[in-house]
Amino acid sequence: MSFAFDLVLAGALLWSGVRCLTTARLDQAIVLFIAFGLLLALVWARLSAPDIGLAEAAIGAGLTGALLLDVYGALKRSKP
């Protein structure tokens, strides 16, 4: 069961990373980036490094994702 979960987690991580880089819509790329960060935090937790996983979730997905969403909103408002 553990191996199956790790395999699904690795597949989801690869899928979200590739999809984030290849999508044409900026809003989808930001959401996929946040999802990628959360999945990566789970991977770190599975690798017995919960401190790195927590930092990844807080900084990588949380703070950076919020900043990207804020900039995206500002870009949408500034377009004529």
C-alpha atoms as a PDB file:
ATOM      1  CA  MET A   1       0.000   0.000   0.000  1.00  0.00           C
ATOM      2  CA  SER A   2       2.831   2.398   0.833  1.00  0.00           C
ATOM      3  CA  PHE A   3       4.524   1.770  -2.508  1.00  0.00           C
ATOM      4  CA  ALA A   4       1.268   2.352  -4.365  1.00  0.00           C
ATOM      5  CA  PHE A   5       0.731   5.671  -2.559  1.00  0.00           C
ATOM      6  CA  ASP A   6       4.304   6.736  -3.336  1.00  0.00           C
ATOM      7  CA  LEU A   7       3.794   5.840  -6.986  1.00  0.00           C
ATOM      8  CA  VAL A   8       0.557   7.830  -7.212  1.00  0.00           C
ATOM      9  CA  LEU A   9       2.216  10.755  -5.441  1.00  0.00           C
ATOM     10  CA  ALA A  10       5.180  10.694  -7.840  1.00  0.00           C
ATOM     11  CA  GLY A  11       2.857  10.544 -10.836  1.00  0.00           C
ATOM     12  CA  ALA A  12       0.769  13.442  -9.553  1.00  0.00           C
ATOM     13  CA  LEU A  13       3.922  15.458  -8.890  1.00  0.00           C
ATOM     14  CA  LEU A  14       5.241  14.847 -12.410  1.00  0.00           C
ATOM     15  CA  TRP A  15       1.861  15.572 -13.985  1.00  0.00           C
ATOM     16  CA  SER A  16       1.355  18.839 -12.120  1.00  0.00           C
ATOM     17  CA  GLY A  17       4.908  19.976 -12.883  1.00  0.00           C
ATOM     18  CA  VAL A  18       4.659  19.279 -16.600  1.00  0.00           C
ATOM     19  CA  ARG A  19       1.162  20.728 -16.802  1.00  0.00           C
ATOM     20  CA  CYS A  20       2.262  23.862 -14.928  1.00  0.00           C
ATOM     21  CA  LEU A  21       5.063  24.457 -17.420  1.00  0.00           C
ATOM     22  CA  THR A  22       3.044  23.724 -20.560  1.00  0.00           C
ATOM     23  CA  THR A  23      -0.277  25.413 -19.876  1.00  0.00           C
ATOM     24  CA  ALA A  24      -1.029  28.568 -21.844  1.00  0.00           C
ATOM     25  CA  ARG A  25      -3.277  30.185 -19.231  1.00  0.00           C
ATOM     26  CA  LEU A  26      -1.495  32.064 -16.474  1.00  0.00           C
ATOM     27  CA  ASP A  27      -4.185  31.477 -13.845  1.00  0.00           C
ATOM     28  CA  GLN A  28      -4.058  27.722 -14.380  1.00  0.00           C
ATOM     29  CA  ALA A  29      -0.263  27.768 -14.159  1.00  0.00           C
ATOM     30  CA  ILE A  30      -0.430  29.557 -10.798  1.00  0.00           C
ATOM     31  CA  VAL A  31      -2.944  27.093  -9.358  1.00  0.00           C
ATOM     32  CA  LEU A  32      -0.891  24.157 -10.632  1.00  0.00           C
ATOM     33  CA  PHE A  33       2.242  25.709  -9.107  1.00  0.00           C
ATOM     34  CA  ILE A  34       0.496  25.858  -5.726  1.00  0.00           C
ATOM     35  CA  ALA A  35      -0.668  22.250  -6.113  1.00  0.00           C
ATOM     36  CA  PHE A  36       2.880  21.237  -7.078  1.00  0.00           C
ATOM     37  CA  GLY A  37       4.231  22.842  -3.909  1.00  0.00           C
ATOM     38  CA  LEU A  38       1.685  21.044  -1.739  1.00  0.00           C
ATOM     39  CA  LEU A  39       2.435  17.708  -3.395  1.00  0.00           C
ATOM     40  CA  LEU A  40       6.144  18.320  -2.925  1.00  0.00           C
ATOM     41  CA  ALA A  41       5.510  19.002   0.763  1.00  0.00           C
ATOM     42  CA  LEU A  42       3.816  15.597   0.985  1.00  0.00           C
ATOM     43  CA  VAL A  43       6.813  13.997  -0.700  1.00  0.00           C
ATOM     44  CA  TRP A  44       9.161  15.560   1.860  1.00  0.00           C
ATOM     45  CA  ALA A  45       6.936  14.311   4.666  1.00  0.00           C
ATOM     46  CA  ARG A  46       7.003  10.794   3.167  1.00  0.00           C
ATOM     47  CA  LEU A  47      10.810  10.994   3.043  1.00  0.00           C
ATOM     48  CA  SER A  48      10.890  11.584   6.819  1.00  0.00           C
ATOM     49  CA  ALA A  49      11.757  15.260   6.481  1.00  0.00           C
ATOM     50  CA  PRO A  50       8.678  16.988   7.908  1.00  0.00           C
ATOM     51  CA  ASP A  51      10.570  20.210   8.633  1.00  0.00           C
ATOM     52  CA  ILE A  52      11.442  20.646   4.960  1.00  0.00           C
ATOM     53  CA  GLY A  53       7.890  19.665   4.004  1.00  0.00           C
ATOM     54  CA  LEU A  54       6.441  22.280   6.318  1.00  0.00           C
ATOM     55  CA  ALA A  55       8.794  24.934   4.944  1.00  0.00           C
ATOM     56  CA  GLU A  56       7.866  23.951   1.392  1.00  0.00           C
ATOM     57  CA  ALA A  57       4.158  24.173   2.156  1.00  0.00           C
ATOM     58  CA  ALA A  58       4.477  27.522   3.930  1.00  0.00           C
ATOM     59  CA  ILE A  59       6.954  29.274   1.652  1.00  0.00           C
ATOM     60  CA  GLY A  60       6.733  27.434  -1.653  1.00  0.00           C
ATOM     61  CA  ALA A  61       2.998  26.910  -1.926  1.00  0.00           C
ATOM     62  CA  GLY A  62       1.577  29.395   0.566  1.00  0.00           C
ATOM     63  CA  LEU A  63       3.576  32.601   0.401  1.00  0.00           C
ATOM     64  CA  THR A  64       4.770  32.363  -3.188  1.00  0.00           C
ATOM     65  CA  GLY A  65       1.365  31.215  -4.389  1.00  0.00           C
ATOM     66  CA  ALA A  66      -0.369  34.116  -2.651  1.00  0.00           C
ATOM     67  CA  LEU A  67       2.101  36.588  -4.151  1.00  0.00           C
ATOM     68  CA  LEU A  68       1.623  35.143  -7.632  1.00  0.00           C
ATOM     69  CA  LEU A  69      -2.163  35.349  -7.300  1.00  0.00           C
ATOM     70  CA  ASP A  70      -1.886  38.959  -6.107  1.00  0.00           C
ATOM     71  CA  VAL A  71       0.312  39.923  -9.064  1.00  0.00           C
ATOM     72  CA  TYR A  72      -2.043  38.128 -11.443  1.00  0.00           C
ATOM     73  CA  GLY A  73      -4.970  40.118 -10.052  1.00  0.00           C
ATOM     74  CA  ALA A  74      -3.019  43.359 -10.432  1.00  0.00           C
ATOM     75  CA  LEU A  75      -2.189  42.463 -14.036  1.00  0.00           C
ATOM     76  CA  LYS A  76      -5.840  41.810 -14.818  1.00  0.00           C
ATOM     77  CA  ARG A  77      -6.867  45.146 -13.285  1.00  0.00           C
ATOM     78  CA  SER A  78      -4.209  47.137 -15.149  1.00  0.00           C
ATOM     79  CA  LYS A  79      -5.104  45.875 -18.622  1.00  0.00           C
ATOM     80  CA  PRO A  80      -7.241  48.393 -20.557  1.00  0.00           C
END
